[in-house]
Amino acid sequence: MKPFRRVFVVGGAHTTYMGKARADFVHPKQVTAERRNPTLEEHLQASVRATFEATGADPSAVDKGYVSNFLGECFARQGHLGSMLAAVDPALEGKPFARIEAACASGSAAIAACIDAMQAGCDVTLVAGVEVETNVRGSEGVDHMALAAHWEQQRGLSQFVFPHLFGVRAKAWKEAFGGTSEDLARIVVKAYANANRNPQALNHTSAMTLEHADTPSDRNFLFLEDPELHAHMRLTDCTAFTDGASSVLLATEDGLKRLGIAPGDCTEILSYAHSVRGLGKPTDGARLVNVQGAASQAYADAGITAQDVDVAEVHDCFSVTEAQHYPALGFCAEEDSPARIRDGSFALDGSLPVNPGGGLIGFGHPIGATGVKQVLEVHRQMRGACGDYQMAERPRIGVTSNLGGDDRTGIVMVHAAVG
């Protein structure tokens, strides 16, 4: 969809993405009355308040907004998050807020909903994505995550439903295009290297070598029960449970006038495409077919080609997901993706940086926040605001690509620098 009323990203903020990899994370056995991790509500409040501070916008200017969240009832025993957003600031009371859920694509779906609302007359909208995932046992958390699959049909595939489904993809990608486990390990190493430059990233201080990422060990174990998939999913290929929130403020041209902000201080969303395929139906394990279709539509609506893209934020829930994104977004031919991984094309100093802040593997994956984080990260790269992980040359055209489930929901957006 190409907006007929222009949509600008004014700015936003992340909380620090928290999990066991961070020194400031409080492990369950160390929680005291004085020392604990932030709650879902605290992450939400912090990112929204920081967004108003960063943009200088008055909360009263917001016409409408959404909270993106996948598993609030499961992890935090909390629903009705639109009302929680309204409680962040007195000026937000009475605004039309609601929650949007689309599994891991929740944040992107919330931004798309705001774009639609802006075509219908709203001028300033707010999206806050949030998730808390570290407050339960790992086995319980994995069970919660399986709700993004077809529970009745797929829960029995494995104790680890999504690692199993993406283990199928890793095996299929290797067999179809000549990729190797080492190629996927290189994606992991890139993610950690970028996160090491990003102070808000989950893995900001975690080192990762190619030897460690590529070698199964008691610190990087193979864990899938299916003997055909066992060799295709290591611990380091996976994202970790993460807590965090990201928020963005969007405005039309009229909204910018209301806020007193110049278009040149913003970035623009040129288009988005939102494609959904049936849950539980067969899919192509070697390719992200749904994402590819969304990308083709988003590019056509924006009037660009893949060759115009300078930076991309893509959904790397597992290392193979990023590998499959390269051809799905048109960055290379399918058979060339292993070679492009090996030559560093998608590194921070490569010809097309992908996930310069660390992606989901390096930055973290608080599910409801991920799609919002992607949009804000492209905005920050275009504004030169990424500090140690800033690209050498500011990008002019960016792409965000987020997926929910096993390539079931695909949302691709095209972004442009202004001025």
Protein backbone atom coordinates (compact mmCIF):
# COMPACT_ATOMS: atom_id res chain seq x y z
CA MET A 1 0.00 0.00 0.00
CA LYS A 2 1.34 3.42 -0.98
CA PRO A 3 -0.03 6.09 1.38
CA PHE A 4 -1.84 8.91 -0.39
CA ARG A 5 -1.21 11.01 2.72
CA ARG A 6 2.52 10.97 3.41
CA VAL A 7 3.60 9.20 6.61
CA PHE A 8 6.70 10.34 8.50
CA VAL A 9 8.61 8.65 11.31
CA VAL A 10 9.21 11.46 13.78
CA GLY A 11 11.33 9.42 16.18
CA GLY A 12 11.14 7.00 19.04
CA ALA A 13 13.00 5.12 21.73
CA HIS A 14 14.00 1.65 22.88
CA THR A 15 14.43 0.42 26.39
CA THR A 16 17.55 -1.67 26.89
CA TYR A 17 16.74 -5.18 25.68
CA MET A 18 17.16 -7.41 28.71
CA GLY A 19 17.97 -11.08 29.15
CA LYS A 20 20.45 -13.48 30.68
CA ALA A 21 23.29 -12.25 28.46
CA ARG A 22 23.34 -8.83 30.12
CA ALA A 23 25.26 -8.17 33.34
CA ASP A 24 22.41 -5.97 34.60
CA PHE A 25 19.84 -8.76 34.24
CA VAL A 26 18.56 -10.06 37.57
CA HIS A 27 18.28 -13.84 37.55
CA PRO A 28 15.19 -15.27 39.27
CA LYS A 29 17.14 -16.63 42.24
CA GLN A 30 18.71 -13.19 42.81
CA VAL A 31 15.48 -11.16 42.84
CA THR A 32 14.96 -9.11 45.99
CA ALA A 33 12.63 -6.30 47.00
CA GLU A 34 15.29 -3.82 45.92
CA ARG A 35 16.63 -5.60 42.85
CA ARG A 36 14.51 -7.01 40.02
CA ASN A 37 13.97 -6.71 36.28
CA PRO A 38 11.54 -4.14 34.85
CA THR A 39 7.96 -5.33 34.39
CA LEU A 40 6.02 -5.23 31.12
CA GLU A 41 4.31 -2.04 32.28
CA GLU A 42 7.62 -0.42 33.22
CA HIS A 43 9.18 -1.23 29.84
CA LEU A 44 6.10 0.19 28.10
CA GLN A 45 6.14 3.37 30.18
CA ALA A 46 9.87 3.90 29.72
CA SER A 47 9.87 3.59 25.93
CA VAL A 48 6.80 5.83 25.49
CA ARG A 49 8.05 8.54 27.81
CA ALA A 50 11.47 8.45 26.17
CA THR A 51 9.78 8.79 22.76
CA PHE A 52 8.04 12.00 23.78
CA GLU A 53 11.29 13.27 25.28
CA ALA A 54 13.31 12.39 22.17
CA THR A 55 10.85 13.98 19.74
CA GLY A 56 9.77 16.93 21.87
CA ALA A 57 6.16 16.04 21.07
CA ASP A 58 3.36 16.72 23.53
CA PRO A 59 1.40 13.54 24.31
CA SER A 60 -1.82 15.48 23.83
CA ALA A 61 -1.04 15.70 20.09
CA VAL A 62 -1.56 11.94 19.61
CA ASP A 63 -4.78 11.08 17.79
CA LYS A 64 -4.64 7.28 17.99
CA GLY A 65 -2.27 4.47 18.86
CA TYR A 66 -1.60 0.77 19.22
CA VAL A 67 0.31 -1.52 21.53
CA SER A 68 1.94 -4.46 19.77
CA ASN A 69 2.28 -7.53 21.97
CA PHE A 70 2.09 -11.27 21.40
CA LEU A 71 1.98 -13.05 24.75
CA GLY A 72 1.07 -10.59 27.49
CA GLU A 73 -1.49 -12.91 29.07
CA CYS A 74 0.93 -15.86 29.09
CA PHE A 75 4.15 -14.26 30.36
CA ALA A 76 2.85 -11.27 32.32
CA ARG A 77 -0.75 -12.30 33.13
CA GLN A 78 -1.83 -9.03 31.53
CA GLY A 79 -4.16 -8.21 28.68
CA HIS A 80 -6.02 -5.00 27.77
CA LEU A 81 -2.75 -3.28 26.92
CA GLY A 82 -4.36 -0.39 25.05
CA SER A 83 -5.68 0.78 28.39
CA MET A 84 -2.22 0.35 29.90
CA LEU A 85 -0.85 2.70 27.23
CA ALA A 86 -3.46 5.30 28.11
CA ALA A 87 -2.18 5.24 31.71
CA VAL A 88 1.36 6.29 30.74
CA ASP A 89 0.59 10.02 30.69
CA PRO A 90 -2.50 12.01 31.76
CA ALA A 91 -2.68 13.56 28.28
CA LEU A 92 -3.20 10.09 26.76
CA GLU A 93 -6.34 9.41 28.79
CA GLY A 94 -9.40 9.13 26.54
CA LYS A 95 -7.39 8.44 23.36
CA PRO A 96 -8.37 5.47 21.14
CA PHE A 97 -5.72 2.86 21.92
CA ALA A 98 -5.85 -0.90 21.35
CA ARG A 99 -3.57 -3.91 21.19
CA ILE A 100 -2.58 -5.66 17.96
CA GLU A 101 -1.25 -9.22 17.78
CA ALA A 102 0.29 -10.96 14.78
CA ALA A 103 2.84 -13.24 16.48
CA CYS A 104 6.37 -11.98 15.79
CA ALA A 105 5.01 -9.51 13.22
CA SER A 106 2.87 -7.73 15.82
CA GLY A 107 4.94 -4.53 15.80
CA SER A 108 4.86 -4.22 12.03
CA ALA A 109 1.10 -4.88 12.00
CA ALA A 110 0.59 -2.11 14.56
CA ILE A 111 2.57 0.36 12.45
CA ALA A 112 0.60 -0.67 9.36
CA ALA A 113 -2.63 -0.07 11.29
CA CYS A 114 -1.44 3.40 12.21
CA ILE A 115 -0.62 4.14 8.57
CA ASP A 116 -4.15 3.09 7.65
CA ALA A 117 -5.58 5.32 10.39
CA MET A 118 -3.57 8.23 9.02
CA GLN A 119 -5.07 7.71 5.58
CA ALA A 120 -8.48 7.90 7.26
CA GLY A 121 -7.81 11.24 8.94
CA CYS A 122 -5.53 10.81 11.96
CA ASP A 123 -2.45 13.03 11.85
CA VAL A 124 -0.30 11.87 14.80
CA THR A 125 -0.13 8.23 15.89
CA LEU A 126 1.86 6.27 18.44
CA VAL A 127 2.98 2.63 18.39
CA ALA A 128 4.46 0.96 21.47
CA GLY A 129 5.74 -2.59 21.17
CA VAL A 130 6.50 -4.54 24.33
CA GLU A 131 7.15 -8.05 25.60
CA VAL A 132 8.46 -9.70 28.76
CA GLU A 133 9.66 -13.27 28.24
CA THR A 134 12.29 -14.03 30.89
CA ASN A 135 10.07 -14.52 33.93
CA VAL A 136 9.18 -18.18 33.37
CA ARG A 137 11.11 -21.43 32.94
CA GLY A 138 12.50 -21.99 29.46
CA SER A 139 10.27 -25.00 28.81
CA GLU A 140 7.19 -22.95 29.68
CA GLY A 141 8.35 -20.09 27.47
CA VAL A 142 8.89 -22.42 24.52
CA ASP A 143 5.35 -23.71 25.02
CA HIS A 144 3.99 -20.16 24.93
CA MET A 145 5.91 -19.42 21.71
CA ALA A 146 4.31 -22.44 20.05
CA LEU A 147 1.00 -20.55 20.00
CA ALA A 148 2.24 -18.84 16.82
CA ALA A 149 2.10 -22.22 15.06
CA HIS A 150 -1.06 -24.25 14.46
CA TRP A 151 -1.35 -25.66 17.98
CA GLU A 152 -3.56 -28.64 17.20
CA GLN A 153 -1.57 -29.73 14.14
CA GLN A 154 2.00 -28.77 15.06
CA ARG A 155 2.46 -28.81 18.83
CA GLY A 156 3.34 -32.49 18.70
CA LEU A 157 6.17 -32.02 16.19
CA SER A 158 8.74 -31.44 18.90
CA GLN A 159 9.29 -30.12 22.38
CA PHE A 160 10.73 -27.12 20.51
CA VAL A 161 8.16 -26.31 17.83
CA PHE A 162 9.74 -23.30 16.16
CA PRO A 163 13.35 -24.54 16.28
CA HIS A 164 11.95 -27.69 14.63
CA LEU A 165 10.14 -25.73 11.91
CA PHE A 166 13.19 -23.60 11.18
CA GLY A 167 15.46 -26.64 11.42
CA VAL A 168 13.41 -27.90 8.46
CA ARG A 169 14.22 -24.60 6.74
CA ALA A 170 17.94 -24.83 7.54
CA LYS A 171 18.15 -28.32 6.10
CA ALA A 172 16.15 -27.36 3.00
CA TRP A 173 18.19 -24.17 2.40
CA LYS A 174 21.48 -26.05 2.62
CA GLU A 175 20.34 -28.80 0.28
CA ALA A 176 18.76 -26.45 -2.27
CA PHE A 177 21.48 -23.80 -2.52
CA GLY A 178 24.71 -25.32 -1.26
CA GLY A 179 24.77 -23.47 2.04
CA THR A 180 26.55 -24.86 5.07
CA SER A 181 26.30 -24.72 8.83
CA GLU A 182 29.37 -22.50 8.76
CA ASP A 183 27.52 -20.02 6.55
CA LEU A 184 24.75 -19.78 9.13
CA ALA A 185 27.35 -19.43 11.87
CA ARG A 186 28.77 -16.42 10.00
CA ILE A 187 25.35 -14.74 10.27
CA VAL A 188 25.45 -15.33 14.03
CA VAL A 189 28.95 -13.86 14.31
CA LYS A 190 27.85 -10.79 12.34
CA ALA A 191 24.86 -10.32 14.64
CA TYR A 192 27.01 -10.41 17.77
CA ALA A 193 29.68 -8.15 16.26
CA ASN A 194 27.04 -5.52 15.49
CA ALA A 195 25.44 -5.93 18.92
CA ASN A 196 28.81 -5.40 20.56
CA ARG A 197 28.68 -1.85 19.15
CA ASN A 198 25.11 -1.28 20.40
CA PRO A 199 24.78 -0.44 24.12
CA GLN A 200 21.04 -1.26 24.21
CA ALA A 201 21.51 -4.73 22.72
CA LEU A 202 20.95 -7.94 24.64
CA ASN A 203 24.36 -9.26 23.53
CA HIS A 204 26.26 -5.99 23.85
CA THR A 205 29.05 -7.57 25.91
CA SER A 206 28.84 -11.16 24.63
CA ALA A 207 31.70 -12.32 22.42
CA MET A 208 31.07 -14.72 19.56
CA THR A 209 33.68 -16.42 17.41
CA LEU A 210 33.12 -18.40 14.25
CA GLU A 211 34.63 -21.46 15.91
CA HIS A 212 32.16 -21.27 18.80
CA ALA A 213 29.12 -20.57 16.58
CA ASP A 214 29.98 -23.38 14.16
CA THR A 215 31.08 -26.06 16.63
CA PRO A 216 28.52 -28.10 18.58
CA SER A 217 29.56 -28.31 22.23
CA ASP A 218 28.14 -28.31 25.74
CA ARG A 219 27.89 -24.50 25.36
CA ASN A 220 26.44 -24.65 21.85
CA PHE A 221 24.48 -27.84 21.77
CA LEU A 222 22.33 -29.53 19.15
CA PHE A 223 18.93 -30.09 20.72
CA LEU A 224 16.33 -31.18 18.16
CA GLU A 225 15.02 -34.69 18.71
CA ASP A 226 14.34 -35.47 15.05
CA PRO A 227 17.46 -37.27 13.75
CA GLU A 228 17.04 -35.72 10.29
CA LEU A 229 17.10 -32.21 11.76
CA HIS A 230 19.43 -32.69 14.72
CA ALA A 231 22.53 -31.35 12.95
CA HIS A 232 20.76 -28.28 11.59
CA MET A 233 19.93 -26.27 14.72
CA ARG A 234 22.50 -25.17 17.29
CA LEU A 235 21.79 -23.06 20.35
CA THR A 236 23.60 -20.08 18.82
CA ASP A 237 21.36 -20.23 15.74
CA CYS A 238 18.42 -19.17 17.94
CA THR A 239 17.25 -15.92 19.46
CA ALA A 240 17.06 -15.81 23.25
CA PHE A 241 14.16 -14.90 25.53
CA THR A 242 14.20 -11.11 25.84
CA ASP A 243 12.37 -8.34 27.68
CA GLY A 244 12.04 -4.87 26.19
CA ALA A 245 10.00 -2.19 24.51
CA SER A 246 10.31 0.11 21.50
CA SER A 247 8.04 3.01 20.57
CA VAL A 248 7.70 5.29 17.55
CA LEU A 249 5.75 8.42 16.78
CA LEU A 250 4.32 8.82 13.26
CA ALA A 251 2.83 11.94 11.63
CA THR A 252 1.33 13.21 8.41
CA GLU A 253 2.36 16.56 6.94
CA ASP A 254 -0.48 18.19 8.88
CA GLY A 255 0.65 16.32 11.97
CA LEU A 256 4.18 17.66 11.63
CA LYS A 257 2.80 21.19 11.48
CA ARG A 258 0.88 20.50 14.69
CA LEU A 259 4.06 19.20 16.33
CA GLY A 260 6.22 22.02 14.98
CA ILE A 261 8.62 19.55 13.34
CA ALA A 262 10.11 19.92 9.88
CA PRO A 263 9.84 17.01 7.40
CA GLY A 264 13.61 17.15 6.96
CA ASP A 265 14.03 16.07 10.58
CA CYS A 266 12.07 12.87 9.89
CA THR A 267 12.13 9.83 7.64
CA GLU A 268 9.26 8.66 5.46
CA ILE A 269 7.48 5.33 5.05
CA LEU A 270 6.95 5.08 1.30
CA SER A 271 4.93 1.87 1.29
CA TYR A 272 4.06 -1.30 3.12
CA ALA A 273 2.78 -4.72 2.07
CA HIS A 274 1.07 -7.12 4.48
CA SER A 275 0.66 -10.71 3.28
CA VAL A 276 -0.84 -13.56 5.29
CA ARG A 277 -1.01 -17.27 4.42
CA GLY A 278 -3.05 -20.00 6.08
CA LEU A 279 -1.86 -21.33 9.42
CA GLY A 280 -0.74 -24.93 9.33
CA LYS A 281 -0.77 -25.26 5.55
CA PRO A 282 2.25 -26.63 3.62
CA THR A 283 5.02 -24.14 2.84
CA ASP A 284 8.30 -24.09 0.92
CA GLY A 285 11.04 -24.85 3.43
CA ALA A 286 13.83 -23.51 1.22
CA ARG A 287 12.30 -20.08 0.61
CA LEU A 288 10.32 -17.32 2.33
CA VAL A 289 7.60 -17.30 -0.31
CA ASN A 290 5.19 -15.11 1.63
CA VAL A 291 7.83 -12.50 2.50
CA GLN A 292 8.98 -12.47 -1.12
CA GLY A 293 5.47 -11.66 -2.29
CA ALA A 294 5.14 -8.86 0.25
CA ALA A 295 8.51 -7.42 -0.80
CA SER A 296 7.57 -7.40 -4.47
CA GLN A 297 4.36 -5.50 -3.67
CA ALA A 298 6.08 -3.03 -1.33
CA TYR A 299 8.81 -2.28 -3.89
CA ALA A 300 6.28 -1.74 -6.67
CA ASP A 301 4.16 0.59 -4.54
CA ALA A 302 7.23 2.59 -3.49
CA GLY A 303 8.58 2.77 -7.04
CA ILE A 304 11.93 1.20 -6.18
CA THR A 305 13.84 -2.01 -6.83
CA ALA A 306 15.98 -4.10 -4.50
CA GLN A 307 19.05 -2.48 -6.06
CA ASP A 308 18.00 0.86 -4.55
CA VAL A 309 18.11 -0.42 -0.96
CA ASP A 310 20.97 0.83 1.25
CA VAL A 311 20.09 -0.83 4.58
CA ALA A 312 17.73 -3.55 5.79
CA GLU A 313 16.34 -4.71 9.11
CA VAL A 314 15.11 -8.29 8.74
CA HIS A 315 13.60 -10.91 11.00
CA ASP A 316 16.37 -13.30 12.07
CA CYS A 317 14.53 -15.38 14.68
CA PHE A 318 16.99 -18.08 13.59
CA SER A 319 20.14 -17.67 11.51
CA VAL A 320 18.54 -19.40 8.53
CA THR A 321 15.70 -16.86 8.54
CA GLU A 322 18.15 -14.09 7.71
CA ALA A 323 19.80 -16.24 5.04
CA GLN A 324 16.41 -16.82 3.41
CA HIS A 325 15.59 -13.11 3.58
CA TYR A 326 18.46 -12.15 1.27
CA PRO A 327 16.91 -13.63 -1.90
CA ALA A 328 13.33 -13.05 -0.70
CA LEU A 329 14.07 -9.31 -0.61
CA GLY A 330 15.91 -9.46 -3.93
CA PHE A 331 19.35 -8.74 -2.52
CA CYS A 332 20.86 -11.70 -4.36
CA ALA A 333 19.89 -14.80 -6.32
CA GLU A 334 18.94 -17.79 -4.19
CA GLU A 335 21.98 -19.78 -5.27
CA ASP A 336 24.28 -16.84 -4.53
CA SER A 337 23.27 -16.31 -0.92
CA PRO A 338 25.98 -18.56 0.61
CA ALA A 339 28.69 -16.72 -1.35
CA ARG A 340 27.32 -13.33 -0.31
CA ILE A 341 27.39 -14.42 3.30
CA ARG A 342 31.01 -15.52 2.96
CA ASP A 343 32.20 -12.31 1.27
CA GLY A 344 30.69 -10.05 3.93
CA SER A 345 28.23 -8.25 1.65
CA PHE A 346 25.69 -7.85 4.46
CA ALA A 347 28.12 -6.83 7.24
CA LEU A 348 28.15 -3.35 8.73
CA ASP A 349 30.96 -2.38 6.35
CA GLY A 350 29.56 -4.39 3.44
CA SER A 351 27.78 -3.22 0.31
CA LEU A 352 24.32 -3.67 1.91
CA PRO A 353 24.33 -3.77 5.73
CA VAL A 354 21.62 -6.01 7.17
CA ASN A 355 20.67 -5.71 10.84
CA PRO A 356 23.44 -3.23 11.70
CA GLY A 357 22.27 -3.01 15.33
CA GLY A 358 22.43 -6.79 15.81
CA GLY A 359 19.04 -7.99 14.60
CA LEU A 360 17.01 -10.34 16.74
CA ILE A 361 19.96 -12.63 17.50
CA GLY A 362 22.23 -9.81 18.65
CA PHE A 363 19.92 -6.96 19.70
CA GLY A 364 17.25 -9.28 21.15
CA HIS A 365 13.72 -10.38 20.35
CA PRO A 366 11.04 -9.09 22.73
CA ILE A 367 8.41 -10.23 20.27
CA GLY A 368 5.90 -7.39 20.37
CA ALA A 369 8.68 -4.80 20.13
CA THR A 370 10.60 -6.29 17.21
CA GLY A 371 8.72 -4.75 14.27
CA VAL A 372 8.73 -1.34 15.97
CA LYS A 373 12.44 -1.66 16.69
CA GLN A 374 13.15 -2.39 13.04
CA VAL A 375 11.44 0.80 11.85
CA LEU A 376 13.14 2.92 14.49
CA GLU A 377 16.55 1.43 13.66
CA VAL A 378 16.25 2.33 9.96
CA HIS A 379 15.11 5.82 10.99
CA ARG A 380 18.10 6.20 13.31
CA GLN A 381 20.55 5.05 10.62
CA MET A 382 19.11 7.59 8.21
CA ARG A 383 19.37 10.31 10.86
CA GLY A 384 22.97 9.39 11.75
CA ALA A 385 22.00 8.54 15.33
CA CYS A 386 23.42 5.02 15.78
CA GLY A 387 26.74 5.87 17.40
CA ASP A 388 29.33 3.11 17.15
CA TYR A 389 27.20 1.04 14.77
CA GLN A 390 26.35 3.92 12.45
CA MET A 391 26.92 3.08 8.78
CA ALA A 392 29.82 4.93 7.16
CA GLU A 393 27.43 6.59 4.72
CA ARG A 394 23.91 7.44 5.77
CA PRO A 395 21.39 5.31 3.89
CA ARG A 396 18.76 6.91 1.66
CA ILE A 397 16.47 3.91 1.11
CA GLY A 398 15.81 1.23 3.72
CA VAL A 399 13.66 -1.87 4.06
CA THR A 400 12.18 -3.55 7.11
CA SER A 401 10.90 -7.12 6.83
CA ASN A 402 9.15 -8.89 9.65
CA LEU A 403 7.44 -12.27 9.73
CA GLY A 404 5.08 -14.06 12.05
CA GLY A 405 5.09 -17.83 12.48
CA ASP A 406 6.63 -20.03 9.82
CA ASP A 407 6.39 -17.45 7.00
CA ARG A 408 2.66 -17.02 7.69
CA THR A 409 2.51 -13.25 8.23
CA GLY A 410 4.92 -11.14 6.19
CA ILE A 411 5.08 -7.35 6.47
CA VAL A 412 7.62 -5.43 4.40
CA MET A 413 8.03 -1.63 4.52
CA VAL A 414 10.08 0.76 2.39
CA HIS A 415 11.61 3.79 4.09
CA ALA A 416 13.29 6.90 2.70
CA ALA A 417 15.41 9.71 4.02
CA VAL A 418 13.83 13.14 3.61
CA GLY A 419 15.62 16.12 2.09
